[in-house]
Amino acid sequence: MPFGLYCYTITVAWYALHGHQPSDVAEHRQRAPWYTTKTDPSLSDMIAKLRRVIIAARCMPTRPGQPTEQEIRTVQQAWAAASTNAAA
């Protein structure tokens, strides 16, 4: 039982910090028009979104936030120029 509570807590925290979109409930209402009273996402909605995000991250060719080779070279050149200017 404690493991389930940890999973629940982590999922809700992730959703609150990173996964929440105001349109989530509206999208769910479109998929399930009989659920007209839905005002907040359920745990199953949060888990489904987390699952989609994990799958999308695995399928991305490069991870976001990873610098390209050109960006790395540009930063290295800027550091070299700054150290040369500081020494002079």
C-alpha atoms as a PDB file:
ATOM      1  CA  MET A   1       0.000   0.000   0.000  1.00  0.00           C
ATOM      2  CA  PRO A   2       2.754   2.576   0.738  1.00  0.00           C
ATOM      3  CA  PHE A   3       4.244   2.071  -2.745  1.00  0.00           C
ATOM      4  CA  GLY A   4       0.891   2.932  -4.315  1.00  0.00           C
ATOM      5  CA  LEU A   5       0.705   6.079  -2.223  1.00  0.00           C
ATOM      6  CA  TYR A   6       4.185   7.096  -3.390  1.00  0.00           C
ATOM      7  CA  CYS A   7       3.217   6.509  -7.028  1.00  0.00           C
ATOM      8  CA  TYR A   8       0.020   8.488  -6.567  1.00  0.00           C
ATOM      9  CA  THR A   9       1.894  11.370  -4.931  1.00  0.00           C
ATOM     10  CA  ILE A  10       4.607  11.487  -7.589  1.00  0.00           C
ATOM     11  CA  THR A  11       2.042  11.407 -10.406  1.00  0.00           C
ATOM     12  CA  VAL A  12      -0.067  14.207  -8.915  1.00  0.00           C
ATOM     13  CA  ALA A  13       3.036  16.304  -8.180  1.00  0.00           C
ATOM     14  CA  TRP A  14       4.361  15.833 -11.732  1.00  0.00           C
ATOM     15  CA  TYR A  15       0.990  16.736 -13.196  1.00  0.00           C
ATOM     16  CA  ALA A  16       0.645  19.839 -11.019  1.00  0.00           C
ATOM     17  CA  LEU A  17       4.152  21.067 -11.808  1.00  0.00           C
ATOM     18  CA  HIS A  18       4.647  20.040 -15.433  1.00  0.00           C
ATOM     19  CA  GLY A  19       1.705  18.252 -17.011  1.00  0.00           C
ATOM     20  CA  HIS A  20      -1.343  20.408 -16.339  1.00  0.00           C
ATOM     21  CA  GLN A  21      -2.963  22.107 -19.303  1.00  0.00           C
ATOM     22  CA  PRO A  22      -6.243  23.992 -18.897  1.00  0.00           C
ATOM     23  CA  SER A  23      -7.615  22.229 -21.974  1.00  0.00           C
ATOM     24  CA  ASP A  24      -7.187  18.706 -20.510  1.00  0.00           C
ATOM     25  CA  VAL A  25     -10.689  18.530 -19.038  1.00  0.00           C
ATOM     26  CA  ALA A  26     -12.262  19.925 -22.227  1.00  0.00           C
ATOM     27  CA  GLU A  27     -10.454  17.297 -24.293  1.00  0.00           C
ATOM     28  CA  HIS A  28     -11.708  14.573 -21.985  1.00  0.00           C
ATOM     29  CA  ARG A  29     -15.255  15.876 -22.320  1.00  0.00           C
ATOM     30  CA  GLN A  30     -14.937  15.634 -26.119  1.00  0.00           C
ATOM     31  CA  ARG A  31     -13.797  12.014 -25.867  1.00  0.00           C
ATOM     32  CA  ALA A  32     -16.511  11.190 -23.325  1.00  0.00           C
ATOM     33  CA  PRO A  33     -19.499  13.493 -23.945  1.00  0.00           C
ATOM     34  CA  TRP A  34     -21.569  11.727 -21.268  1.00  0.00           C
ATOM     35  CA  TYR A  35     -19.166  13.048 -18.632  1.00  0.00           C
ATOM     36  CA  THR A  36     -20.489  16.619 -18.573  1.00  0.00           C
ATOM     37  CA  THR A  37     -19.859  17.340 -14.892  1.00  0.00           C
ATOM     38  CA  LYS A  38     -16.096  16.808 -15.046  1.00  0.00           C
ATOM     39  CA  THR A  39     -14.301  19.896 -13.711  1.00  0.00           C
ATOM     40  CA  ASP A  40     -10.900  18.502 -12.685  1.00  0.00           C
ATOM     41  CA  PRO A  41      -8.655  15.814 -14.161  1.00  0.00           C
ATOM     42  CA  SER A  42      -8.845  12.436 -12.475  1.00  0.00           C
ATOM     43  CA  LEU A  43      -5.879  10.323 -11.472  1.00  0.00           C
ATOM     44  CA  SER A  44      -6.420   8.142 -14.535  1.00  0.00           C
ATOM     45  CA  ASP A  45      -6.264  11.285 -16.732  1.00  0.00           C
ATOM     46  CA  MET A  46      -2.975  12.235 -15.071  1.00  0.00           C
ATOM     47  CA  ILE A  47      -1.545   8.745 -15.522  1.00  0.00           C
ATOM     48  CA  ALA A  48      -2.595   8.671 -19.175  1.00  0.00           C
ATOM     49  CA  LYS A  49      -0.921  12.010 -19.822  1.00  0.00           C
ATOM     50  CA  LEU A  50       2.235  10.937 -18.006  1.00  0.00           C
ATOM     51  CA  ARG A  51       2.307   7.755 -20.083  1.00  0.00           C
ATOM     52  CA  ARG A  52       1.942   9.768 -23.323  1.00  0.00           C
ATOM     53  CA  VAL A  53       4.731  12.146 -22.283  1.00  0.00           C
ATOM     54  CA  ILE A  54       7.081   9.265 -21.447  1.00  0.00           C
ATOM     55  CA  ILE A  55       6.373   7.533 -24.762  1.00  0.00           C
ATOM     56  CA  ALA A  56       6.869  10.781 -26.703  1.00  0.00           C
ATOM     57  CA  ALA A  57      10.166  11.432 -24.903  1.00  0.00           C
ATOM     58  CA  ARG A  58      11.420   7.970 -25.827  1.00  0.00           C
ATOM     59  CA  CYS A  59      10.513   8.482 -29.482  1.00  0.00           C
ATOM     60  CA  MET A  60      12.142  11.892 -29.866  1.00  0.00           C
ATOM     61  CA  PRO A  61      15.320  11.769 -31.981  1.00  0.00           C
ATOM     62  CA  THR A  62      17.138  14.154 -29.648  1.00  0.00           C
ATOM     63  CA  ARG A  63      16.350  15.071 -26.110  1.00  0.00           C
ATOM     64  CA  PRO A  64      15.266  18.641 -25.504  1.00  0.00           C
ATOM     65  CA  GLY A  65      17.878  20.680 -23.761  1.00  0.00           C
ATOM     66  CA  GLN A  66      20.771  18.766 -25.316  1.00  0.00           C
ATOM     67  CA  PRO A  67      23.087  21.217 -27.096  1.00  0.00           C
ATOM     68  CA  THR A  68      24.043  20.614 -30.692  1.00  0.00           C
ATOM     69  CA  GLU A  69      27.675  20.277 -31.746  1.00  0.00           C
ATOM     70  CA  GLN A  70      27.587  23.797 -33.198  1.00  0.00           C
ATOM     71  CA  GLU A  71      26.252  25.242 -29.929  1.00  0.00           C
ATOM     72  CA  ILE A  72      28.998  23.470 -27.974  1.00  0.00           C
ATOM     73  CA  ARG A  73      31.694  24.843 -30.296  1.00  0.00           C
ATOM     74  CA  THR A  74      30.246  28.356 -30.061  1.00  0.00           C
ATOM     75  CA  VAL A  75      30.321  28.280 -26.258  1.00  0.00           C
ATOM     76  CA  GLN A  76      33.845  26.868 -26.218  1.00  0.00           C
ATOM     77  CA  GLN A  77      35.023  29.611 -28.580  1.00  0.00           C
ATOM     78  CA  ALA A  78      33.362  32.267 -26.413  1.00  0.00           C
ATOM     79  CA  TRP A  79      35.093  30.863 -23.319  1.00  0.00           C
ATOM     80  CA  ALA A  80      38.443  30.831 -25.115  1.00  0.00           C
ATOM     81  CA  ALA A  81      37.957  34.423 -26.282  1.00  0.00           C
ATOM     82  CA  ALA A  82      36.931  35.523 -22.784  1.00  0.00           C
ATOM     83  CA  SER A  83      39.960  33.878 -21.182  1.00  0.00           C
ATOM     84  CA  THR A  84      42.276  35.468 -23.787  1.00  0.00           C
ATOM     85  CA  ASN A  85      40.738  38.901 -23.184  1.00  0.00           C
ATOM     86  CA  ALA A  86      40.950  38.473 -19.408  1.00  0.00           C
ATOM     87  CA  ALA A  87      44.630  37.539 -19.582  1.00  0.00           C
ATOM     88  CA  ALA A  88      45.489  40.617 -21.664  1.00  0.00           C
END
